[in-house]
């Protein structure tokens, strides 16, 4: 009897955990964005980075002139 109750409890708690993960809107992919305001003489540029095997990632870098 104890094993049956323990098994049903484990299944019930697992179902609650899965439902929480599926319903919770805060659990998402988070993307970082560069600041909109660049210092004087600097500009944000989007750069493509080749990671090999046909995988390319885009990154925003702050580029400042030497003047």
N, C-alpha and C. Protein backbone atom coordinates (compact mmCIF):
# COMPACT_ATOMS: atom_id res chain seq x y z
N UNK A 1 0.82 -1.20 0.00
CA UNK A 1 0.00 0.00 0.00
C UNK A 1 0.87 1.26 0.00
N UNK A 2 1.94 1.25 0.82
CA UNK A 2 2.82 2.42 0.90
C UNK A 2 3.49 2.70 -0.44
N UNK A 3 3.91 1.63 -1.14
CA UNK A 3 4.56 1.81 -2.44
C UNK A 3 3.61 2.45 -3.45
N UNK A 4 2.35 2.04 -3.41
CA UNK A 4 1.36 2.59 -4.33
C UNK A 4 1.14 4.07 -4.06
N UNK A 5 1.00 4.44 -2.79
CA UNK A 5 0.80 5.85 -2.43
C UNK A 5 2.03 6.67 -2.80
N UNK A 6 3.22 6.13 -2.55
CA UNK A 6 4.45 6.85 -2.90
C UNK A 6 4.56 7.04 -4.41
N UNK A 7 4.22 6.01 -5.18
CA UNK A 7 4.28 6.11 -6.64
C UNK A 7 3.27 7.14 -7.15
N UNK A 8 2.05 7.11 -6.66
CA UNK A 8 1.04 8.07 -7.08
C UNK A 8 1.43 9.50 -6.69
N UNK A 9 2.03 9.67 -5.52
CA UNK A 9 2.49 10.99 -5.10
C UNK A 9 3.59 11.50 -6.02
N UNK A 10 4.53 10.62 -6.38
CA UNK A 10 5.61 11.02 -7.28
C UNK A 10 5.06 11.41 -8.65
N UNK A 11 4.11 10.66 -9.17
CA UNK A 11 3.50 10.97 -10.47
C UNK A 11 2.75 12.30 -10.39
N UNK A 12 2.01 12.51 -9.33
CA UNK A 12 1.26 13.75 -9.16
C UNK A 12 2.19 14.96 -9.07
N UNK A 13 3.26 14.86 -8.28
CA UNK A 13 4.21 15.98 -8.16
C UNK A 13 4.94 16.23 -9.47
N UNK A 14 5.26 15.16 -10.20
CA UNK A 14 5.91 15.33 -11.51
C UNK A 14 4.97 16.05 -12.48
N UNK A 15 3.70 15.70 -12.45
CA UNK A 15 2.73 16.36 -13.33
C UNK A 15 2.60 17.84 -12.99
N UNK A 16 2.61 18.17 -11.71
CA UNK A 16 2.55 19.57 -11.30
C UNK A 16 3.80 20.32 -11.77
N UNK A 17 4.97 19.69 -11.65
CA UNK A 17 6.21 20.34 -12.09
C UNK A 17 6.19 20.58 -13.59
N UNK A 18 5.75 19.61 -14.37
CA UNK A 18 5.69 19.76 -15.83
C UNK A 18 4.68 20.86 -16.20
N UNK A 19 3.54 20.87 -15.55
CA UNK A 19 2.54 21.90 -15.83
C UNK A 19 3.08 23.29 -15.50
N UNK A 20 3.81 23.41 -14.41
CA UNK A 20 4.39 24.70 -14.03
C UNK A 20 5.38 25.19 -15.08
N UNK A 21 6.22 24.29 -15.56
CA UNK A 21 7.22 24.68 -16.56
C UNK A 21 6.54 25.07 -17.88
N UNK A 22 5.50 24.37 -18.26
CA UNK A 22 4.82 24.67 -19.52
C UNK A 22 3.99 25.94 -19.47
N UNK A 23 3.45 26.28 -18.31
CA UNK A 23 2.55 27.42 -18.19
C UNK A 23 3.27 28.71 -17.81
N UNK A 24 4.39 28.61 -17.12
CA UNK A 24 5.09 29.78 -16.59
C UNK A 24 5.66 30.63 -17.74
N UNK A 25 5.22 31.88 -17.90
CA UNK A 25 5.71 32.71 -19.00
C UNK A 25 7.13 33.24 -18.79
N UNK A 26 7.65 33.18 -17.57
CA UNK A 26 8.98 33.71 -17.31
C UNK A 26 10.09 32.77 -17.76
N UNK A 27 9.79 31.53 -17.98
CA UNK A 27 10.80 30.57 -18.41
C UNK A 27 10.83 30.59 -19.93
N UNK A 28 11.68 31.42 -20.48
CA UNK A 28 11.80 31.59 -21.92
C UNK A 28 13.27 31.80 -22.27
N UNK A 29 13.55 31.84 -23.54
CA UNK A 29 14.89 32.17 -23.99
C UNK A 29 15.10 33.67 -23.78
N UNK A 30 16.20 34.00 -23.16
CA UNK A 30 16.51 35.40 -22.88
C UNK A 30 17.60 35.85 -23.83
N UNK A 31 17.37 36.95 -24.49
CA UNK A 31 18.35 37.51 -25.40
C UNK A 31 18.84 38.84 -24.85
N UNK A 32 20.14 38.99 -24.79
CA UNK A 32 20.72 40.25 -24.34
C UNK A 32 20.84 41.19 -25.53
N UNK A 33 20.58 42.45 -25.30
CA UNK A 33 20.69 43.46 -26.35
C UNK A 33 21.68 44.53 -25.93
N UNK A 34 22.40 45.03 -26.91
CA UNK A 34 23.36 46.10 -26.63
C UNK A 34 22.61 47.38 -26.27
N UNK A 35 23.25 48.20 -25.52
CA UNK A 35 22.66 49.47 -25.12
C UNK A 35 22.41 50.33 -26.35
N UNK A 36 21.32 51.03 -26.35
CA UNK A 36 20.98 51.89 -27.48
C UNK A 36 21.88 53.12 -27.55
N UNK A 37 22.40 53.56 -26.43
CA UNK A 37 23.21 54.77 -26.39
C UNK A 37 24.69 54.39 -26.39
N UNK A 38 25.39 54.77 -27.45
CA UNK A 38 26.82 54.51 -27.55
C UNK A 38 27.59 55.77 -27.14
N UNK A 39 28.76 55.60 -26.52
CA UNK A 39 29.57 56.78 -26.16
C UNK A 39 29.96 57.58 -27.40
N UNK A 40 30.38 58.83 -27.21
CA UNK A 40 30.77 59.69 -28.33
C UNK A 40 31.91 59.05 -29.11
N UNK A 41 31.79 59.04 -30.43
CA UNK A 41 32.83 58.48 -31.28
C UNK A 41 32.71 56.97 -31.44
N UNK A 42 31.71 56.37 -30.88
CA UNK A 42 31.54 54.92 -30.96
C UNK A 42 30.19 54.60 -31.61
N UNK A 43 30.12 53.42 -32.21
CA UNK A 43 28.89 52.99 -32.86
C UNK A 43 28.71 51.48 -32.62
N UNK A 44 27.45 51.05 -32.49
CA UNK A 44 27.15 49.63 -32.37
C UNK A 44 27.05 49.04 -33.77
N UNK A 45 27.82 47.97 -34.04
CA UNK A 45 27.78 47.31 -35.34
C UNK A 45 27.45 45.84 -35.16
N UNK A 46 26.61 45.31 -36.04
CA UNK A 46 26.28 43.89 -36.03
C UNK A 46 27.36 43.13 -36.80
N UNK A 47 27.97 42.14 -36.17
CA UNK A 47 29.07 41.39 -36.76
C UNK A 47 28.66 39.92 -36.83
N UNK A 48 28.89 39.28 -37.98
CA UNK A 48 28.62 37.86 -38.11
C UNK A 48 29.86 37.08 -37.72
N UNK A 49 29.70 36.11 -36.84
CA UNK A 49 30.83 35.29 -36.38
C UNK A 49 30.63 33.87 -36.89
N UNK A 50 31.62 33.35 -37.63
CA UNK A 50 31.54 32.00 -38.16
C UNK A 50 32.05 31.04 -37.09
N UNK A 51 31.18 30.14 -36.65
CA UNK A 51 31.56 29.18 -35.62
C UNK A 51 31.91 27.83 -36.21
N UNK A 52 31.92 27.71 -37.52
CA UNK A 52 32.29 26.46 -38.17
C UNK A 52 31.09 25.56 -38.39
N UNK A 53 31.24 24.59 -39.29
CA UNK A 53 30.21 23.60 -39.60
C UNK A 53 28.90 24.26 -40.02
N UNK A 54 28.98 25.39 -40.71
CA UNK A 54 27.80 26.06 -41.21
C UNK A 54 27.00 26.84 -40.17
N UNK A 55 27.58 27.04 -39.00
CA UNK A 55 26.89 27.76 -37.94
C UNK A 55 27.43 29.18 -37.88
N UNK A 56 26.56 30.15 -38.03
CA UNK A 56 26.95 31.56 -37.95
C UNK A 56 26.11 32.23 -36.88
N UNK A 57 26.78 33.00 -36.05
CA UNK A 57 26.11 33.71 -34.96
C UNK A 57 26.33 35.20 -35.19
N UNK A 58 25.32 36.00 -34.89
CA UNK A 58 25.44 37.45 -35.03
C UNK A 58 25.59 38.07 -33.65
N UNK A 59 26.49 39.03 -33.57
CA UNK A 59 26.78 39.69 -32.30
C UNK A 59 26.88 41.19 -32.55
N UNK A 60 26.42 41.98 -31.60
CA UNK A 60 26.53 43.43 -31.71
C UNK A 60 27.73 43.87 -30.89
N UNK A 61 28.67 44.55 -31.55
CA UNK A 61 29.88 45.00 -30.88
C UNK A 61 29.97 46.52 -30.92
N UNK A 62 30.57 47.07 -29.91
CA UNK A 62 30.80 48.51 -29.84
C UNK A 62 32.14 48.81 -30.52
N UNK A 63 32.10 49.60 -31.59
CA UNK A 63 33.31 49.94 -32.35
C UNK A 63 33.56 51.42 -32.18
N UNK A 64 34.74 51.77 -31.68
CA UNK A 64 35.11 53.17 -31.46
C UNK A 64 36.23 53.56 -32.40
N UNK A 65 36.18 54.81 -32.92
CA UNK A 65 37.25 55.29 -33.78
C UNK A 65 38.42 55.75 -32.94
N UNK A 66 39.62 55.74 -33.50
CA UNK A 66 40.84 56.12 -32.78
C UNK A 66 41.06 57.61 -32.80
N UNK A 67 40.21 58.36 -33.44
CA UNK A 67 40.44 59.80 -33.56
C UNK A 67 40.20 60.51 -32.28
